[in-house]
Each structure stands twice: as C-alpha cells, then as structure tokens.
C-alpha cells in the first residue's frame, strides 16, 4: 500500500493514479468513509487524462487509527504533507461533506502554487452547529445523538445512516441499493471508533468562515436542496457568498451522498467547471 508518514508519526494511506505530469485532482472523503468513496470519480477522471489522488484521513480507512490529531487543523496539515510528498502543483481539490471542510481549511493555507481550484460538494461549510452567529444551524443535541449512537453501537448506526438519509433511501419512491449501503458500512467499519467519535465535533463545530474568505482560487459549490445531512439553507448559499470566486450550483432533489448516487451528474459538473468539457 502507498503510505506517507506525517511529522507526528501517523501513517496515511493514499492512491495516486495516472501520469505524474498530468493535471492533479485530489479527492477528500466524508465522515466516516475512506478514499474508496471516490471510486467512480477516480475512474472517470483518470480516463480523461488526469492524475487522481485520494487519501484516507487519519483514523479512517487504512490510515493509522490514531487517538490524536482528530481536528480540522491537523487534517489540513496532513494534506500539506501529502501535497509536498507527492509534489502536487496546480491541483484541483474536491471535498465531500467533512472532506469539503478539510478542503476549505487546506486551500486557505496551502503553499503557493499548490492549488488551482476547489470543489465543495454537500460540504459542512461554513459551520453546521447552531449558535448566535449561525442561528440557522443544527442544535448541538443532533450531534450529541450521533456521538451517543456511535459510542453505543456504531455498526448499527452506520447501517441506519447508509440505509436512510445519506443516500435518500428513506424518500418515497427511492429504491435502496444494497451494494451502496454495504460499501458505506464497510468503509465506516474500517476506521477507528475514537477518530470517528472525535470527528463528529470536527464536522459540527469547526467554523470555516475565515477560511472561505481567505481562499483566492475559483471554487465550485455543489449542494442539493434536499440534503438531509447538511441542510442546504445554512450551508452552500452562505459559503458561496463568503468565497471571493465562488460559483454555486444546486440540485432540487439529490441526496447528501450524490457523488456516489448520481456520479454522472456530479462528474459532468466538475468537469465543466475545471475546463475540460
């Protein structure tokens, strides 16, 4: 397996496919998944001549199940080290859900020349939790419920999330896809419970407002108005307004996990944005 070892000794698994001199796209997965979330996108963009990279966040997938560093600053610093190790320049960073938050923090702090564009898909930006500065956010009780469920029986919790709101399989007329559900569950159970439990605080309470303001490259924001995990009204429109060069594209009825459930739509929109259509 391809691994890098970070400055604090954490081993990060990554995939790096395609010509090393091709335009790089880096994919950042959501909670509690792994680089495997991007199977469809990796194959799609590889087939169009890109260099495609995806890593397992620390504590997730095949990376070290560390009990330390499960915070957004460390996640972003890990990407800094990955970009250096792979000598990525002019990269396009694509993040889904929690991975979108990771992209925002990394891109805002990236070394000069490393990043050309970014794409935020159903991202947690600017902040999910309800507070005085974000009255439209979700109450902390929602995230306390996630924490309790993960601590008590994460295997069952992950099955229920994948079978329900993540892919919209709880919506009338939507037929559950067993392989999709099992693959989500498989990825979740590969990671460590401590990291996953800590990451609930990361994706709910990390305020990325200043990161979004600091980003100086074009950013595509993709979000569904029917997202049951990261509610639309308190996320994508606010994030797009904070960005200097933000483009917002919305969908009326796609689920939170739309890169997997509707890859043809998402891939085409990313491709058009990055100028390869």
C-alpha atoms as a PDB file:
ATOM      1  CA  UNK A   1       0.000   0.000   0.000  1.00  0.00           C
ATOM      2  CA  UNK A   2       1.137   3.558  -0.689  1.00  0.00           C
ATOM      3  CA  UNK A   3       1.703   5.418   2.557  1.00  0.00           C
ATOM      4  CA  UNK A   4       3.318   8.574   3.847  1.00  0.00           C
ATOM      5  CA  UNK A   5       4.337   9.102   7.450  1.00  0.00           C
ATOM      6  CA  UNK A   6       3.438  12.518   8.822  1.00  0.00           C
ATOM      7  CA  UNK A   7       5.572  14.583  11.175  1.00  0.00           C
ATOM      8  CA  UNK A   8       3.738  13.143  14.208  1.00  0.00           C
ATOM      9  CA  UNK A   9       4.249   9.557  13.073  1.00  0.00           C
ATOM     10  CA  UNK A  10       0.787   8.928  11.619  1.00  0.00           C
ATOM     11  CA  UNK A  11       0.749   6.772   8.503  1.00  0.00           C
ATOM     12  CA  UNK A  12      -1.649   7.969   5.805  1.00  0.00           C
ATOM     13  CA  UNK A  13      -2.824   5.658   3.038  1.00  0.00           C
ATOM     14  CA  UNK A  14      -3.273   7.185  -0.398  1.00  0.00           C
ATOM     15  CA  UNK A  15      -3.993   6.277  -4.011  1.00  0.00           C
ATOM     16  CA  UNK A  16      -2.104   8.067  -6.784  1.00  0.00           C
ATOM     17  CA  UNK A  17      -3.081   7.014 -10.297  1.00  0.00           C
ATOM     18  CA  UNK A  18      -2.254   8.393 -13.725  1.00  0.00           C
ATOM     19  CA  UNK A  19       0.676  10.219 -15.319  1.00  0.00           C
ATOM     20  CA  UNK A  20       2.671  12.143 -12.730  1.00  0.00           C
ATOM     21  CA  UNK A  21       2.911  15.132 -15.072  1.00  0.00           C
ATOM     22  CA  UNK A  22      -0.871  15.259 -15.668  1.00  0.00           C
ATOM     23  CA  UNK A  23      -3.179  17.775 -14.032  1.00  0.00           C
ATOM     24  CA  UNK A  24      -3.810  16.509 -10.490  1.00  0.00           C
ATOM     25  CA  UNK A  25      -7.192  16.176  -8.801  1.00  0.00           C
ATOM     26  CA  UNK A  26      -7.188  15.395  -5.074  1.00  0.00           C
ATOM     27  CA  UNK A  27     -10.345  13.910  -3.537  1.00  0.00           C
ATOM     28  CA  UNK A  28     -11.211  14.336   0.165  1.00  0.00           C
ATOM     29  CA  UNK A  29     -13.765  11.912   1.604  1.00  0.00           C
ATOM     30  CA  UNK A  30     -16.602  12.437   4.067  1.00  0.00           C
ATOM     31  CA  UNK A  31     -17.199  11.005   7.543  1.00  0.00           C
ATOM     32  CA  UNK A  32     -16.678   8.149   8.386  1.00  0.00           C
ATOM     33  CA  UNK A  33     -15.597   6.915   4.974  1.00  0.00           C
ATOM     34  CA  UNK A  34     -12.328   6.457   3.087  1.00  0.00           C
ATOM     35  CA  UNK A  35     -10.708   7.142  -0.254  1.00  0.00           C
ATOM     36  CA  UNK A  36     -12.940   4.385  -1.643  1.00  0.00           C
ATOM     37  CA  UNK A  37     -15.842   6.844  -1.550  1.00  0.00           C
ATOM     38  CA  UNK A  38     -14.363   8.271  -4.755  1.00  0.00           C
ATOM     39  CA  UNK A  39     -14.179   5.062  -6.821  1.00  0.00           C
ATOM     40  CA  UNK A  40     -16.404   6.420  -9.567  1.00  0.00           C
ATOM     41  CA  UNK A  41     -14.734   9.819  -9.755  1.00  0.00           C
ATOM     42  CA  UNK A  42     -11.237   8.321  -9.695  1.00  0.00           C
ATOM     43  CA  UNK A  43     -12.018   6.104 -12.684  1.00  0.00           C
ATOM     44  CA  UNK A  44     -13.904   8.842 -14.543  1.00  0.00           C
ATOM     45  CA  UNK A  45     -11.200  11.488 -14.312  1.00  0.00           C
ATOM     46  CA  UNK A  46      -8.355   9.007 -14.755  1.00  0.00           C
ATOM     47  CA  UNK A  47      -9.968   8.045 -18.048  1.00  0.00           C
ATOM     48  CA  UNK A  48      -9.867  11.673 -19.113  1.00  0.00           C
ATOM     49  CA  UNK A  49      -6.170  12.105 -18.626  1.00  0.00           C
ATOM     50  CA  UNK A  50      -5.989  13.468 -15.102  1.00  0.00           C
ATOM     51  CA  UNK A  51      -3.743  12.359 -12.274  1.00  0.00           C
ATOM     52  CA  UNK A  52      -6.120  11.336  -9.488  1.00  0.00           C
ATOM     53  CA  UNK A  53      -5.245  11.170  -5.791  1.00  0.00           C
ATOM     54  CA  UNK A  54      -7.308  10.241  -2.755  1.00  0.00           C
ATOM     55  CA  UNK A  55      -6.191   9.579   0.813  1.00  0.00           C
ATOM     56  CA  UNK A  56      -7.706   8.008   3.901  1.00  0.00           C
ATOM     57  CA  UNK A  57      -7.936  10.699   6.576  1.00  0.00           C
ATOM     58  CA  UNK A  58      -6.115   9.817   9.804  1.00  0.00           C
ATOM     59  CA  UNK A  59      -8.218   7.418  11.851  1.00  0.00           C
ATOM     60  CA  UNK A  60     -10.194   6.424   8.751  1.00  0.00           C
ATOM     61  CA  UNK A  61      -9.855   3.580   6.278  1.00  0.00           C
ATOM     62  CA  UNK A  62      -6.339   2.144   6.059  1.00  0.00           C
ATOM     63  CA  UNK A  63      -4.573   5.032   7.792  1.00  0.00           C
ATOM     64  CA  UNK A  64      -3.353   4.865  11.386  1.00  0.00           C
ATOM     65  CA  UNK A  65      -6.188   4.599  13.907  1.00  0.00           C
ATOM     66  CA  UNK A  66      -4.622   7.339  15.980  1.00  0.00           C
ATOM     67  CA  UNK A  67      -6.353   8.818  19.004  1.00  0.00           C
ATOM     68  CA  UNK A  68      -4.549  12.121  18.424  1.00  0.00           C
ATOM     69  CA  UNK A  69      -4.911  14.890  15.869  1.00  0.00           C
ATOM     70  CA  UNK A  70      -8.567  14.347  15.067  1.00  0.00           C
ATOM     71  CA  UNK A  71      -9.208  18.033  14.427  1.00  0.00           C
ATOM     72  CA  UNK A  72      -9.501  20.166  11.310  1.00  0.00           C
ATOM     73  CA  UNK A  73      -6.119  21.873  11.678  1.00  0.00           C
ATOM     74  CA  UNK A  74      -4.340  18.532  11.784  1.00  0.00           C
ATOM     75  CA  UNK A  75      -6.405  17.157   8.910  1.00  0.00           C
ATOM     76  CA  UNK A  76      -5.341  20.144   6.801  1.00  0.00           C
ATOM     77  CA  UNK A  77      -1.720  19.825   7.898  1.00  0.00           C
ATOM     78  CA  UNK A  78      -1.789  16.184   6.826  1.00  0.00           C
ATOM     79  CA  UNK A  79      -2.830  17.327   3.347  1.00  0.00           C
ATOM     80  CA  UNK A  80       0.029  19.848   3.347  1.00  0.00           C
ATOM     81  CA  UNK A  81       2.429  16.972   3.988  1.00  0.00           C
ATOM     82  CA  UNK A  82       0.766  14.782   1.347  1.00  0.00           C
ATOM     83  CA  UNK A  83       0.989  17.566  -1.263  1.00  0.00           C
ATOM     84  CA  UNK A  84       4.690  18.009  -0.505  1.00  0.00           C
ATOM     85  CA  UNK A  85       5.400  14.275  -0.621  1.00  0.00           C
ATOM     86  CA  UNK A  86       3.684  13.909  -3.999  1.00  0.00           C
ATOM     87  CA  UNK A  87       4.936  17.300  -5.247  1.00  0.00           C
ATOM     88  CA  UNK A  88       1.438  18.388  -6.238  1.00  0.00           C
ATOM     89  CA  UNK A  89       1.264  21.713  -8.082  1.00  0.00           C
ATOM     90  CA  UNK A  90      -1.748  23.428  -9.600  1.00  0.00           C
ATOM     91  CA  UNK A  91      -4.019  20.776  -8.101  1.00  0.00           C
ATOM     92  CA  UNK A  92      -7.798  20.740  -8.032  1.00  0.00           C
ATOM     93  CA  UNK A  93      -9.082  19.734  -4.585  1.00  0.00           C
ATOM     94  CA  UNK A  94     -12.537  18.146  -4.380  1.00  0.00           C
ATOM     95  CA  UNK A  95     -14.145  17.543  -0.986  1.00  0.00           C
ATOM     96  CA  UNK A  96     -17.409  15.949   0.043  1.00  0.00           C
ATOM     97  CA  UNK A  97     -19.152  16.707   3.357  1.00  0.00           C
ATOM     98  CA  UNK A  98     -16.447  16.720   6.070  1.00  0.00           C
ATOM     99  CA  UNK A  99     -13.938  16.483   3.239  1.00  0.00           C
ATOM    100  CA  UNK A 100     -15.304  19.778   1.965  1.00  0.00           C
ATOM    101  CA  UNK A 101     -14.377  21.360   5.271  1.00  0.00           C
ATOM    102  CA  UNK A 102     -10.926  19.818   5.004  1.00  0.00           C
ATOM    103  CA  UNK A 103     -10.551  21.300   1.523  1.00  0.00           C
ATOM    104  CA  UNK A 104     -11.583  24.747   2.719  1.00  0.00           C
ATOM    105  CA  UNK A 105      -9.067  24.777   5.559  1.00  0.00           C
ATOM    106  CA  UNK A 106      -6.263  23.311   3.443  1.00  0.00           C
ATOM    107  CA  UNK A 107      -6.783  25.552   0.422  1.00  0.00           C
ATOM    108  CA  UNK A 108      -6.888  28.649   2.631  1.00  0.00           C
ATOM    109  CA  UNK A 109      -3.445  27.707   3.988  1.00  0.00           C
ATOM    110  CA  UNK A 110      -1.841  25.897   1.063  1.00  0.00           C
ATOM    111  CA  UNK A 111       1.696  26.662  -0.031  1.00  0.00           C
ATOM    112  CA  UNK A 112       1.904  28.953  -3.088  1.00  0.00           C
ATOM    113  CA  UNK A 113       1.382  27.170  -6.384  1.00  0.00           C
ATOM    114  CA  UNK A 114      -0.081  24.011  -4.889  1.00  0.00           C
ATOM    115  CA  UNK A 115      -3.773  24.708  -5.615  1.00  0.00           C
ATOM    116  CA  UNK A 116      -5.532  25.952  -8.749  1.00  0.00           C
ATOM    117  CA  UNK A 117      -9.213  25.270  -7.997  1.00  0.00           C
ATOM    118  CA  UNK A 118     -11.502  23.625  -5.472  1.00  0.00           C
ATOM    119  CA  UNK A 119     -14.896  21.937  -5.423  1.00  0.00           C
ATOM    120  CA  UNK A 120     -17.066  21.674  -2.311  1.00  0.00           C
ATOM    121  CA  UNK A 121     -19.777  19.004  -2.531  1.00  0.00           C
ATOM    122  CA  UNK A 122     -22.501  18.922   0.150  1.00  0.00           C
ATOM    123  CA  UNK A 123     -19.853  20.462   2.370  1.00  0.00           C
ATOM    124  CA  UNK A 124     -20.058  21.340   6.066  1.00  0.00           C
ATOM    125  CA  UNK A 125     -19.008  24.920   5.292  1.00  0.00           C
ATOM    126  CA  UNK A 126     -19.220  27.457   6.790  1.00  0.00           C
ATOM    127  CA  UNK A 127     -20.320  25.779  10.088  1.00  0.00           C
ATOM    128  CA  UNK A 128     -23.036  23.282  10.955  1.00  0.00           C
ATOM    129  CA  UNK A 129     -23.842  23.895  14.608  1.00  0.00           C
ATOM    130  CA  UNK A 130     -26.454  26.392  15.754  1.00  0.00           C
ATOM    131  CA  UNK A 131     -25.009  29.372  17.621  1.00  0.00           C
ATOM    132  CA  UNK A 132     -25.528  33.120  17.890  1.00  0.00           C
ATOM    133  CA  UNK A 133     -23.606  33.785  14.687  1.00  0.00           C
ATOM    134  CA  UNK A 134     -25.318  30.867  12.913  1.00  0.00           C
ATOM    135  CA  UNK A 135     -28.956  30.743  14.040  1.00  0.00           C
ATOM    136  CA  UNK A 136     -29.917  28.519  11.115  1.00  0.00           C
ATOM    137  CA  UNK A 137     -27.572  25.731  12.156  1.00  0.00           C
ATOM    138  CA  UNK A 138     -28.460  22.425  13.763  1.00  0.00           C
ATOM    139  CA  UNK A 139     -28.820  22.180  17.567  1.00  0.00           C
ATOM    140  CA  UNK A 140     -25.969  20.522  19.432  1.00  0.00           C
ATOM    141  CA  UNK A 141     -28.425  17.823  20.516  1.00  0.00           C
ATOM    142  CA  UNK A 142     -28.327  16.475  16.966  1.00  0.00           C
ATOM    143  CA  UNK A 143     -24.591  15.896  17.190  1.00  0.00           C
ATOM    144  CA  UNK A 144     -24.787  14.607  20.744  1.00  0.00           C
ATOM    145  CA  UNK A 145     -27.140  11.996  19.331  1.00  0.00           C
ATOM    146  CA  UNK A 146     -24.543  10.994  16.738  1.00  0.00           C
ATOM    147  CA  UNK A 147     -21.898  10.720  19.458  1.00  0.00           C
ATOM    148  CA  UNK A 148     -24.077   8.551  21.659  1.00  0.00           C
ATOM    149  CA  UNK A 149     -25.085   6.283  18.799  1.00  0.00           C
ATOM    150  CA  UNK A 150     -21.513   5.797  17.581  1.00  0.00           C
ATOM    151  CA  UNK A 151     -20.247   5.048  21.087  1.00  0.00           C
ATOM    152  CA  UNK A 152     -23.012   2.552  21.809  1.00  0.00           C
ATOM    153  CA  UNK A 153     -23.207   0.641  18.517  1.00  0.00           C
ATOM    154  CA  UNK A 154     -21.538   2.253  15.559  1.00  0.00           C
ATOM    155  CA  UNK A 155     -22.081  -0.805  13.339  1.00  0.00           C
ATOM    156  CA  UNK A 156     -25.853  -0.438  13.594  1.00  0.00           C
ATOM    157  CA  UNK A 157     -25.660   3.355  13.411  1.00  0.00           C
ATOM    158  CA  UNK A 158     -23.663   3.226  10.199  1.00  0.00           C
ATOM    159  CA  UNK A 159     -26.095   0.773   8.673  1.00  0.00           C
ATOM    160  CA  UNK A 160     -29.020   3.063   9.503  1.00  0.00           C
ATOM    161  CA  UNK A 161     -27.308   6.160   8.086  1.00  0.00           C
ATOM    162  CA  UNK A 162     -26.404   4.450   4.825  1.00  0.00           C
ATOM    163  CA  UNK A 163     -29.846   2.864   4.502  1.00  0.00           C
ATOM    164  CA  UNK A 164     -31.624   6.149   5.143  1.00  0.00           C
ATOM    165  CA  UNK A 165     -30.731   9.825   4.896  1.00  0.00           C
ATOM    166  CA  UNK A 166     -27.224   9.656   3.417  1.00  0.00           C
ATOM    167  CA  UNK A 167     -28.376   8.410   0.021  1.00  0.00           C
ATOM    168  CA  UNK A 168     -32.011   9.414   0.331  1.00  0.00           C
ATOM    169  CA  UNK A 169     -33.156   5.803   0.518  1.00  0.00           C
ATOM    170  CA  UNK A 170     -35.741   6.918   3.078  1.00  0.00           C
ATOM    171  CA  UNK A 171     -37.510   9.090   0.493  1.00  0.00           C
ATOM    172  CA  UNK A 172     -40.740   7.811  -1.113  1.00  0.00           C
ATOM    173  CA  UNK A 173     -40.128   6.061  -4.392  1.00  0.00           C
ATOM    174  CA  UNK A 174     -36.355   5.695  -3.919  1.00  0.00           C
ATOM    175  CA  UNK A 175     -35.197   2.078  -4.152  1.00  0.00           C
ATOM    176  CA  UNK A 176     -32.347   1.210  -1.757  1.00  0.00           C
ATOM    177  CA  UNK A 177     -29.219  -0.163  -3.445  1.00  0.00           C
ATOM    178  CA  UNK A 178     -27.804  -2.923  -1.273  1.00  0.00           C
ATOM    179  CA  UNK A 179     -24.272  -2.710  -2.623  1.00  0.00           C
ATOM    180  CA  UNK A 180     -24.116   1.022  -1.962  1.00  0.00           C
ATOM    181  CA  UNK A 181     -25.324   0.543   1.611  1.00  0.00           C
ATOM    182  CA  UNK A 182     -22.874  -2.281   2.290  1.00  0.00           C
ATOM    183  CA  UNK A 183     -19.974  -0.347   0.791  1.00  0.00           C
ATOM    184  CA  UNK A 184     -20.698   2.672   3.020  1.00  0.00           C
ATOM    185  CA  UNK A 185     -20.868   0.373   6.046  1.00  0.00           C
ATOM    186  CA  UNK A 186     -17.646  -1.401   5.017  1.00  0.00           C
ATOM    187  CA  UNK A 187     -15.740   1.852   4.729  1.00  0.00           C
ATOM    188  CA  UNK A 188     -17.026   3.132   8.039  1.00  0.00           C
ATOM    189  CA  UNK A 189     -16.117  -0.018   9.923  1.00  0.00           C
ATOM    190  CA  UNK A 190     -12.560   0.023   8.527  1.00  0.00           C
ATOM    191  CA  UNK A 191     -11.760   3.134  10.544  1.00  0.00           C
ATOM    192  CA  UNK A 192     -11.269   3.663  14.259  1.00  0.00           C
ATOM    193  CA  UNK A 193     -14.123   4.498  16.595  1.00  0.00           C
ATOM    194  CA  UNK A 194     -12.089   7.084  18.537  1.00  0.00           C
ATOM    195  CA  UNK A 195     -11.304   9.088  15.406  1.00  0.00           C
ATOM    196  CA  UNK A 196     -14.880   8.800  14.170  1.00  0.00           C
ATOM    197  CA  UNK A 197     -16.257   9.897  17.533  1.00  0.00           C
ATOM    198  CA  UNK A 198     -13.872  12.878  17.661  1.00  0.00           C
ATOM    199  CA  UNK A 199     -14.685  13.811  14.078  1.00  0.00           C
ATOM    200  CA  UNK A 200     -18.318  14.489  14.983  1.00  0.00           C
ATOM    201  CA  UNK A 201     -17.105  17.558  16.881  1.00  0.00           C
ATOM    202  CA  UNK A 202     -14.909  18.471  13.907  1.00  0.00           C
ATOM    203  CA  UNK A 203     -17.673  18.394  11.310  1.00  0.00           C
ATOM    204  CA  UNK A 204     -20.259  20.046  13.526  1.00  0.00           C
ATOM    205  CA  UNK A 205     -18.349  22.770  15.368  1.00  0.00           C
ATOM    206  CA  UNK A 206     -15.455  23.809  13.116  1.00  0.00           C
ATOM    207  CA  UNK A 207     -16.151  27.315  11.849  1.00  0.00           C
ATOM    208  CA  UNK A 208     -14.698  27.728   8.368  1.00  0.00           C
ATOM    209  CA  UNK A 209     -15.936  31.255   7.738  1.00  0.00           C
ATOM    210  CA  UNK A 210     -12.491  32.855   7.756  1.00  0.00           C
ATOM    211  CA  UNK A 211     -11.055  30.031   5.650  1.00  0.00           C
ATOM    212  CA  UNK A 212     -13.648  30.614   2.953  1.00  0.00           C
ATOM    213  CA  UNK A 213     -12.915  34.343   2.961  1.00  0.00           C
ATOM    214  CA  UNK A 214      -9.195  33.689   2.575  1.00  0.00           C
ATOM    215  CA  UNK A 215      -9.441  31.377  -0.444  1.00  0.00           C
ATOM    216  CA  UNK A 216      -8.257  33.140  -3.586  1.00  0.00           C
ATOM    217  CA  UNK A 217      -8.870  30.480  -6.255  1.00  0.00           C
ATOM    218  CA  UNK A 218     -12.099  29.576  -8.090  1.00  0.00           C
ATOM    219  CA  UNK A 219     -14.381  27.335  -6.033  1.00  0.00           C
ATOM    220  CA  UNK A 220     -17.435  25.389  -7.225  1.00  0.00           C
ATOM    221  CA  UNK A 221     -20.049  24.776  -4.522  1.00  0.00           C
ATOM    222  CA  UNK A 222     -22.421  21.872  -5.260  1.00  0.00           C
ATOM    223  CA  UNK A 223     -25.318  21.164  -2.915  1.00  0.00           C
ATOM    224  CA  UNK A 224     -28.801  19.682  -3.006  1.00  0.00           C
ATOM    225  CA  UNK A 225     -31.795  21.481  -1.571  1.00  0.00           C
ATOM    226  CA  UNK A 226     -32.942  18.088  -0.261  1.00  0.00           C
ATOM    227  CA  UNK A 227     -29.733  17.287   1.628  1.00  0.00           C
ATOM    228  CA  UNK A 228     -30.824  15.554   4.848  1.00  0.00           C
ATOM    229  CA  UNK A 229     -27.358  15.519   6.449  1.00  0.00           C
ATOM    230  CA  UNK A 230     -26.000  19.024   5.797  1.00  0.00           C
ATOM    231  CA  UNK A 231     -29.086  21.243   5.424  1.00  0.00           C
ATOM    232  CA  UNK A 232     -28.874  23.463   2.372  1.00  0.00           C
ATOM    233  CA  UNK A 233     -30.052  26.836   3.677  1.00  0.00           C
ATOM    234  CA  UNK A 234     -27.383  27.160   6.365  1.00  0.00           C
ATOM    235  CA  UNK A 235     -24.525  25.876   4.242  1.00  0.00           C
ATOM    236  CA  UNK A 236     -23.998  26.254   0.494  1.00  0.00           C
ATOM    237  CA  UNK A 237     -25.545  29.708  -0.125  1.00  0.00           C
ATOM    238  CA  UNK A 238     -23.649  31.155   2.826  1.00  0.00           C
ATOM    239  CA  UNK A 239     -20.395  29.516   1.772  1.00  0.00           C
ATOM    240  CA  UNK A 240     -20.701  30.776  -1.798  1.00  0.00           C
ATOM    241  CA  UNK A 241     -21.191  34.344  -0.579  1.00  0.00           C
ATOM    242  CA  UNK A 242     -18.080  34.175   1.596  1.00  0.00           C
ATOM    243  CA  UNK A 243     -15.860  32.988  -1.258  1.00  0.00           C
ATOM    244  CA  UNK A 244     -14.065  35.554  -3.434  1.00  0.00           C
ATOM    245  CA  UNK A 245     -14.522  33.438  -6.549  1.00  0.00           C
ATOM    246  CA  UNK A 246     -17.380  31.119  -5.670  1.00  0.00           C
ATOM    247  CA  UNK A 247     -19.863  29.504  -8.061  1.00  0.00           C
ATOM    248  CA  UNK A 248     -22.974  27.914  -6.573  1.00  0.00           C
ATOM    249  CA  UNK A 249     -24.831  25.104  -8.347  1.00  0.00           C
ATOM    250  CA  UNK A 250     -27.814  23.495  -6.689  1.00  0.00           C
ATOM    251  CA  UNK A 251     -29.999  20.465  -7.292  1.00  0.00           C
ATOM    252  CA  UNK A 252     -33.613  20.157  -6.157  1.00  0.00           C
ATOM    253  CA  UNK A 253     -33.746  16.541  -5.007  1.00  0.00           C
ATOM    254  CA  UNK A 254     -30.375  14.788  -4.914  1.00  0.00           C
ATOM    255  CA  UNK A 255     -29.210  13.174  -1.636  1.00  0.00           C
ATOM    256  CA  UNK A 256     -26.240  14.080   0.525  1.00  0.00           C
ATOM    257  CA  UNK A 257     -24.202  11.228  -0.954  1.00  0.00           C
ATOM    258  CA  UNK A 258     -24.711  12.419  -4.512  1.00  0.00           C
ATOM    259  CA  UNK A 259     -21.154  11.751  -5.752  1.00  0.00           C
ATOM    260  CA  UNK A 260     -21.975   8.051  -5.335  1.00  0.00           C
ATOM    261  CA  UNK A 261     -25.710   8.056  -6.028  1.00  0.00           C
ATOM    262  CA  UNK A 262     -25.575  10.366  -9.073  1.00  0.00           C
ATOM    263  CA  UNK A 263     -21.987  10.316 -10.363  1.00  0.00           C
ATOM    264  CA  UNK A 264     -22.925  11.119 -13.968  1.00  0.00           C
ATOM    265  CA  UNK A 265     -24.385  14.465 -12.884  1.00  0.00           C
ATOM    266  CA  UNK A 266     -21.649  15.361 -10.408  1.00  0.00           C
ATOM    267  CA  UNK A 267     -18.768  14.284 -12.644  1.00  0.00           C
ATOM    268  CA  UNK A 268     -20.089  16.288 -15.566  1.00  0.00           C
ATOM    269  CA  UNK A 269     -20.489  19.416 -13.456  1.00  0.00           C
ATOM    270  CA  UNK A 270     -16.978  19.121 -12.032  1.00  0.00           C
ATOM    271  CA  UNK A 271     -15.548  18.508 -15.487  1.00  0.00           C
ATOM    272  CA  UNK A 272     -17.300  21.540 -16.922  1.00  0.00           C
ATOM    273  CA  UNK A 273     -16.041  23.720 -14.070  1.00  0.00           C
ATOM    274  CA  UNK A 274     -12.416  22.745 -14.441  1.00  0.00           C
ATOM    275  CA  UNK A 275     -12.491  23.452 -18.160  1.00  0.00           C
ATOM    276  CA  UNK A 276     -12.264  20.017 -19.697  1.00  0.00           C
ATOM    277  CA  UNK A 277     -15.798  19.702 -21.001  1.00  0.00           C
END
